[in-house]
C-alpha atoms as a PDB file:
ATOM      1  CA  MET A   1       1.498  -9.095  -9.692  1.00  0.00           C
ATOM      2  CA  VAL A   2       0.948  -5.196  -9.775  1.00  0.00           C
ATOM      3  CA  ASP A   3      -0.982  -4.118 -12.774  1.00  0.00           C
ATOM      4  CA  ASP A   4      -0.228  -0.587 -14.621  1.00  0.00           C
ATOM      5  CA  GLY A   5      -2.577   2.195 -12.562  1.00  0.00           C
ATOM      6  CA  ASP A   6      -2.379   0.037  -9.265  1.00  0.00           C
ATOM      7  CA  CYS A   7      -0.736   1.624  -5.957  1.00  0.00           C
ATOM      8  CA  VAL A   8       1.538  -0.491  -3.745  1.00  0.00           C
ATOM      9  CA  ALA A   9       1.769   0.810  -0.157  1.00  0.00           C
ATOM     10  CA  ILE A  10       5.147   0.031   1.677  1.00  0.00           C
ATOM     11  CA  PHE A  11       5.594   0.116   5.291  1.00  0.00           C
ATOM     12  CA  HIS A  12       8.639  -0.152   7.679  1.00  0.00           C
ATOM     13  CA  SER A  13       7.641  -2.905   9.886  1.00  0.00           C
ATOM     14  CA  ILE A  14       5.801  -6.220   9.447  1.00  0.00           C
ATOM     15  CA  HIS A  15       3.707  -5.303  12.442  1.00  0.00           C
ATOM     16  CA  ARG A  16       2.372  -2.109  10.703  1.00  0.00           C
ATOM     17  CA  VAL A  17       1.756  -3.669   7.646  1.00  0.00           C
ATOM     18  CA  MET A  18      -0.393  -6.354   8.955  1.00  0.00           C
ATOM     19  CA  LYS A  19      -2.113  -3.944  11.126  1.00  0.00           C
ATOM     20  CA  ALA A  20      -2.934  -2.090   7.999  1.00  0.00           C
ATOM     21  CA  GLU A  21      -4.052  -4.971   6.242  1.00  0.00           C
ATOM     22  CA  LYS A  22      -6.520  -5.744   8.902  1.00  0.00           C
ATOM     23  CA  VAL A  23      -7.775  -2.408   8.973  1.00  0.00           C
ATOM     24  CA  LEU A  24      -8.447  -1.976   5.552  1.00  0.00           C
ATOM     25  CA  LYS A  25     -10.189  -5.034   4.836  1.00  0.00           C
ATOM     26  CA  ALA A  26     -12.454  -4.525   7.893  1.00  0.00           C
ATOM     27  CA  GLU A  27     -13.558  -1.426   6.063  1.00  0.00           C
ATOM     28  CA  LYS A  28     -14.294  -3.545   3.024  1.00  0.00           C
ATOM     29  CA  LEU A  29     -11.523  -1.951   0.766  1.00  0.00           C
ATOM     30  CA  ALA A  30     -10.232  -4.132  -2.119  1.00  0.00           C
ATOM     31  CA  VAL A  31      -6.561  -4.308  -0.731  1.00  0.00           C
ATOM     32  CA  LEU A  32      -4.149  -7.503  -1.083  1.00  0.00           C
ATOM     33  CA  LEU A  33      -1.335  -8.219   0.777  1.00  0.00           C
ATOM     34  CA  ILE A  34       1.875  -8.737  -1.715  1.00  0.00           C
ATOM     35  CA  PRO A  35       5.545  -9.207  -1.535  1.00  0.00           C
ATOM     36  CA  VAL A  36       7.403  -5.900  -2.037  1.00  0.00           C
ATOM     37  CA  PRO A  37       7.761  -5.197  -6.009  1.00  0.00           C
ATOM     38  CA  ARG A  38      11.498  -5.779  -6.838  1.00  0.00           C
ATOM     39  CA  GLN A  39      11.817  -2.373  -8.121  1.00  0.00           C
ATOM     40  CA  LEU A  40      11.042  -1.081  -4.905  1.00  0.00           C
ATOM     41  CA  SER A  41      12.520  -1.713  -1.392  1.00  0.00           C
ATOM     42  CA  SER A  42      11.490  -2.561   2.146  1.00  0.00           C
ATOM     43  CA  ASP A  43      12.527  -3.905   5.375  1.00  0.00           C
ATOM     44  CA  CYS A  44       9.640  -5.927   5.966  1.00  0.00           C
ATOM     45  CA  GLY A  45       9.154  -7.552   2.520  1.00  0.00           C
ATOM     46  CA  LEU A  46       5.458  -6.912   2.375  1.00  0.00           C
ATOM     47  CA  ALA A  47       3.154  -4.315   0.710  1.00  0.00           C
ATOM     48  CA  ILE A  48      -0.439  -3.535   0.294  1.00  0.00           C
ATOM     49  CA  ARG A  49      -1.644  -3.394  -3.607  1.00  0.00           C
ATOM     50  CA  PHE A  50      -4.759  -1.452  -4.063  1.00  0.00           C
ATOM     51  CA  PRO A  51      -6.418   0.425  -7.251  1.00  0.00           C
ATOM     52  CA  LEU A  52      -5.683   4.245  -7.545  1.00  0.00           C
ATOM     53  CA  SER A  53      -8.897   5.091  -7.157  1.00  0.00           C
ATOM     54  CA  LEU A  54      -9.068   3.954  -3.587  1.00  0.00           C
ATOM     55  CA  ARG A  55      -6.069   6.094  -2.264  1.00  0.00           C
ATOM     56  CA  ASN A  56      -7.862   8.838  -0.671  1.00  0.00           C
ATOM     57  CA  LYS A  57      -9.963   6.576   1.253  1.00  0.00           C
ATOM     58  CA  ILE A  58      -6.937   4.374   2.335  1.00  0.00           C
ATOM     59  CA  VAL A  59      -4.773   7.234   3.463  1.00  0.00           C
ATOM     60  CA  GLU A  60      -7.823   8.525   5.323  1.00  0.00           C
ATOM     61  CA  VAL A  61      -8.409   5.016   6.891  1.00  0.00           C
ATOM     62  CA  LEU A  62      -4.619   4.678   7.614  1.00  0.00           C
ATOM     63  CA  THR A  63      -4.433   8.149   9.389  1.00  0.00           C
ATOM     64  CA  ASP A  64      -7.197   7.369  11.618  1.00  0.00           C
ATOM     65  CA  VAL A  65      -5.721   4.516  12.948  1.00  0.00           C
ATOM     66  CA  GLY A  66      -2.135   6.023  13.460  1.00  0.00           C
ATOM     67  CA  LEU A  67      -0.337   4.257  10.377  1.00  0.00           C
ATOM     68  CA  GLU A  68       0.459   7.405   8.578  1.00  0.00           C
ATOM     69  CA  GLY A  69       3.646   7.666   6.755  1.00  0.00           C
ATOM     70  CA  ALA A  70       3.388   4.365   4.631  1.00  0.00           C
ATOM     71  CA  GLU A  71       5.182   5.166   1.185  1.00  0.00           C
ATOM     72  CA  ILE A  72       2.817   5.219  -1.554  1.00  0.00           C
ATOM     73  CA  TRP A  73       3.818   4.066  -5.026  1.00  0.00           C
ATOM     74  CA  HIS A  74       1.707   4.029  -8.305  1.00  0.00           C
ATOM     75  CA  LYS A  75       2.845   2.049 -11.285  1.00  0.00           C
ATOM     76  CA  GLN A  76       2.206   3.352 -14.724  1.00  0.00           C
ATOM     77  CA  ASP A  77       3.794   2.305 -17.888  1.00  0.00           C
ATOM     78  CA  GLY A  78       5.939  -0.436 -15.948  1.00  0.00           C
ATOM     79  CA  THR A  79       7.871   2.242 -13.719  1.00  0.00           C
ATOM     80  CA  TYR A  80       6.723   2.920 -10.215  1.00  0.00           C
ATOM     81  CA  SER A  81       6.381   6.983  -8.853  1.00  0.00           C
ATOM     82  CA  LEU A  82       5.979   8.017  -5.409  1.00  0.00           C
ATOM     83  CA  ILE A  83       3.055   9.402  -4.647  1.00  0.00           C
ATOM     84  CA  PRO A  84       3.516  12.589  -2.335  1.00  0.00           C
END
């Protein structure tokens, strides 16, 4: 479900992930709501997948609407690493 090179944004509540999806899709950004990958953990169970090329724009949009603080993970060679 998450390809190498993709990013995953994890939020700590279902409310925040649903709001983020709505805001990002309104900006016409290529995001997809997915279950949190097994290798990662989250209380809410849902995450947003997007290409690495959109990372800066997504962080900007989320910050503008008060949703900063999401954990963003990048998948490379089958392994996830947290992007600071």
